[in-house]
Amino acid sequence: MADKTLSCKDCNNEFIFTEGEQAFYKEKGFENEPQRCPDCRRAKKQQRNNGGGGGYGGGGSRW
């Protein structure tokens, strides 16, 4: 297994998917390669954790 150069779907920058990361993904049972670079992944995760819109909850009774 060798390092792979991938392209981020958000910023279009290239990033390296290292051998170690590939082994980690395989160990976790992930079948797809990452689609975002580490920076965009971090930003996306932070956006989710900060209640980035949508989702459920938070609104009392509708009736």
N, C-alpha and C. Protein backbone atom coordinates (compact mmCIF):
# COMPACT_ATOMS: atom_id res chain seq x y z
N MET A 1 0.86 -1.18 0.00
CA MET A 1 0.00 0.00 0.00
C MET A 1 0.90 1.25 0.00
N ALA A 2 0.64 2.16 -0.89
CA ALA A 2 1.44 3.38 -0.97
C ALA A 2 0.56 4.59 -0.70
N ASP A 3 1.20 5.72 -0.36
CA ASP A 3 0.47 6.97 -0.19
C ASP A 3 -0.28 7.28 -1.48
N LYS A 4 -1.46 7.90 -1.35
CA LYS A 4 -2.25 8.29 -2.51
C LYS A 4 -2.49 9.79 -2.46
N THR A 5 -2.47 10.41 -3.63
CA THR A 5 -2.82 11.82 -3.72
C THR A 5 -4.27 11.91 -4.13
N LEU A 6 -5.09 12.56 -3.29
CA LEU A 6 -6.51 12.72 -3.57
C LEU A 6 -6.84 14.20 -3.71
N SER A 7 -7.99 14.48 -4.28
CA SER A 7 -8.44 15.86 -4.46
C SER A 7 -9.66 16.11 -3.59
N CYS A 8 -9.63 17.20 -2.82
CA CYS A 8 -10.72 17.54 -1.91
C CYS A 8 -11.95 17.99 -2.70
N LYS A 9 -13.13 17.48 -2.32
CA LYS A 9 -14.35 17.85 -3.04
C LYS A 9 -14.85 19.24 -2.67
N ASP A 10 -14.35 19.81 -1.56
CA ASP A 10 -14.78 21.14 -1.14
C ASP A 10 -13.88 22.24 -1.70
N CYS A 11 -12.56 22.10 -1.49
CA CYS A 11 -11.64 23.18 -1.88
C CYS A 11 -10.82 22.84 -3.13
N ASN A 12 -10.93 21.60 -3.61
CA ASN A 12 -10.21 21.12 -4.79
C ASN A 12 -8.70 21.04 -4.62
N ASN A 13 -8.19 21.25 -3.40
CA ASN A 13 -6.76 21.09 -3.16
C ASN A 13 -6.43 19.61 -3.09
N GLU A 14 -5.20 19.28 -3.49
CA GLU A 14 -4.76 17.90 -3.37
C GLU A 14 -4.25 17.66 -1.96
N PHE A 15 -4.45 16.44 -1.47
CA PHE A 15 -3.92 16.05 -0.16
C PHE A 15 -3.48 14.60 -0.22
N ILE A 16 -2.61 14.24 0.70
CA ILE A 16 -2.05 12.89 0.73
C ILE A 16 -2.86 12.01 1.68
N PHE A 17 -3.31 10.88 1.16
CA PHE A 17 -3.96 9.85 1.96
C PHE A 17 -2.86 8.82 2.25
N THR A 18 -2.26 8.95 3.44
CA THR A 18 -1.06 8.17 3.75
C THR A 18 -1.36 6.69 3.94
N GLU A 19 -0.29 5.91 3.89
CA GLU A 19 -0.41 4.47 4.14
C GLU A 19 -1.05 4.21 5.50
N GLY A 20 -0.61 4.97 6.50
CA GLY A 20 -1.14 4.82 7.85
C GLY A 20 -2.63 5.11 7.92
N GLU A 21 -3.06 6.18 7.24
CA GLU A 21 -4.49 6.51 7.21
C GLU A 21 -5.27 5.43 6.48
N GLN A 22 -4.70 4.91 5.41
CA GLN A 22 -5.38 3.85 4.67
C GLN A 22 -5.55 2.61 5.55
N ALA A 23 -4.52 2.29 6.33
CA ALA A 23 -4.60 1.14 7.23
C ALA A 23 -5.67 1.38 8.29
N PHE A 24 -5.73 2.61 8.82
CA PHE A 24 -6.74 2.97 9.82
C PHE A 24 -8.14 2.81 9.23
N TYR A 25 -8.35 3.34 8.03
CA TYR A 25 -9.66 3.24 7.38
C TYR A 25 -10.05 1.78 7.20
N LYS A 26 -9.09 0.97 6.76
CA LYS A 26 -9.35 -0.46 6.54
C LYS A 26 -9.70 -1.15 7.86
N GLU A 27 -8.96 -0.81 8.91
CA GLU A 27 -9.19 -1.40 10.23
C GLU A 27 -10.58 -1.06 10.75
N LYS A 28 -11.04 0.16 10.48
CA LYS A 28 -12.36 0.61 10.92
C LYS A 28 -13.48 0.10 10.02
N GLY A 29 -13.12 -0.51 8.90
CA GLY A 29 -14.13 -1.05 8.00
C GLY A 29 -14.69 -0.02 7.03
N PHE A 30 -14.03 1.15 6.93
CA PHE A 30 -14.48 2.17 5.97
C PHE A 30 -14.13 1.70 4.57
N GLU A 31 -15.09 1.77 3.67
CA GLU A 31 -14.85 1.29 2.31
C GLU A 31 -14.47 2.41 1.35
N ASN A 32 -14.81 3.65 1.71
CA ASN A 32 -14.53 4.77 0.82
C ASN A 32 -13.34 5.58 1.31
N GLU A 33 -12.61 6.14 0.36
CA GLU A 33 -11.51 7.03 0.71
C GLU A 33 -12.09 8.37 1.15
N PRO A 34 -11.33 9.14 1.92
CA PRO A 34 -11.83 10.46 2.33
C PRO A 34 -12.05 11.35 1.12
N GLN A 35 -13.08 12.18 1.17
CA GLN A 35 -13.39 13.06 0.04
C GLN A 35 -12.94 14.48 0.31
N ARG A 36 -12.60 14.76 1.58
CA ARG A 36 -12.18 16.11 1.95
C ARG A 36 -10.77 16.08 2.54
N CYS A 37 -10.02 17.16 2.34
CA CYS A 37 -8.70 17.29 2.94
C CYS A 37 -8.86 17.46 4.45
N PRO A 38 -7.80 17.26 5.21
CA PRO A 38 -7.91 17.36 6.68
C PRO A 38 -8.50 18.70 7.14
N ASP A 39 -8.13 19.81 6.51
CA ASP A 39 -8.66 21.12 6.91
C ASP A 39 -10.16 21.20 6.70
N CYS A 40 -10.63 20.76 5.53
CA CYS A 40 -12.07 20.80 5.24
C CYS A 40 -12.83 19.81 6.11
N ARG A 41 -12.22 18.65 6.40
CA ARG A 41 -12.85 17.68 7.30
C ARG A 41 -13.04 18.29 8.68
N ARG A 42 -12.00 18.97 9.17
CA ARG A 42 -12.05 19.61 10.48
C ARG A 42 -13.14 20.68 10.50
N ALA A 43 -13.18 21.49 9.44
CA ALA A 43 -14.19 22.57 9.36
C ALA A 43 -15.59 21.98 9.32
N LYS A 44 -15.79 20.92 8.55
CA LYS A 44 -17.09 20.28 8.43
C LYS A 44 -17.53 19.71 9.77
N LYS A 45 -16.59 19.08 10.47
CA LYS A 45 -16.89 18.49 11.77
C LYS A 45 -17.26 19.58 12.77
N GLN A 46 -16.51 20.67 12.76
CA GLN A 46 -16.78 21.77 13.67
C GLN A 46 -18.15 22.38 13.38
N GLN A 47 -18.48 22.48 12.11
CA GLN A 47 -19.78 23.03 11.70
C GLN A 47 -20.91 22.14 12.25
N ARG A 48 -20.73 20.83 12.15
CA ARG A 48 -21.73 19.89 12.69
C ARG A 48 -21.85 20.02 14.20
N ASN A 49 -20.71 20.11 14.88
CA ASN A 49 -20.71 20.16 16.34
C ASN A 49 -21.27 21.47 16.87
N ASN A 50 -21.25 22.51 16.09
CA ASN A 50 -21.78 23.81 16.52
C ASN A 50 -23.23 23.98 16.12
N GLY A 51 -23.91 22.89 15.85
CA GLY A 51 -25.31 22.96 15.48
C GLY A 51 -25.50 23.66 14.15
N GLY A 52 -24.76 23.22 13.15
CA GLY A 52 -24.75 23.87 11.86
C GLY A 52 -26.06 23.77 11.10
N GLY A 53 -27.16 24.10 11.69
CA GLY A 53 -28.44 24.14 10.98
C GLY A 53 -29.07 22.77 10.80
N GLY A 54 -30.33 22.77 10.46
CA GLY A 54 -31.05 21.54 10.17
C GLY A 54 -31.14 20.62 11.38
N GLY A 55 -31.45 19.39 11.14
CA GLY A 55 -31.47 18.41 12.21
C GLY A 55 -32.78 18.42 12.99
N TYR A 56 -32.74 17.79 14.15
CA TYR A 56 -33.92 17.60 14.96
C TYR A 56 -33.84 18.38 16.26
N GLY A 57 -34.94 18.40 16.95
CA GLY A 57 -34.95 18.88 18.32
C GLY A 57 -35.07 20.38 18.46
N GLY A 58 -35.15 20.79 19.70
CA GLY A 58 -35.06 22.17 20.05
C GLY A 58 -36.33 22.99 19.92
N GLY A 59 -37.51 22.41 19.72
CA GLY A 59 -38.60 23.33 19.46
C GLY A 59 -39.94 23.14 20.12
N GLY A 60 -40.02 22.68 21.34
CA GLY A 60 -41.32 22.62 22.00
C GLY A 60 -42.35 21.79 21.24
N SER A 61 -43.60 21.95 21.62
CA SER A 61 -44.68 21.17 21.01
C SER A 61 -45.24 21.86 19.78
N ARG A 62 -45.60 21.05 18.80
CA ARG A 62 -46.21 21.60 17.59
C ARG A 62 -47.71 21.72 17.72
N TRP A 63 -48.28 21.13 18.75
CA TRP A 63 -49.73 21.07 18.84
C TRP A 63 -50.28 22.18 19.64
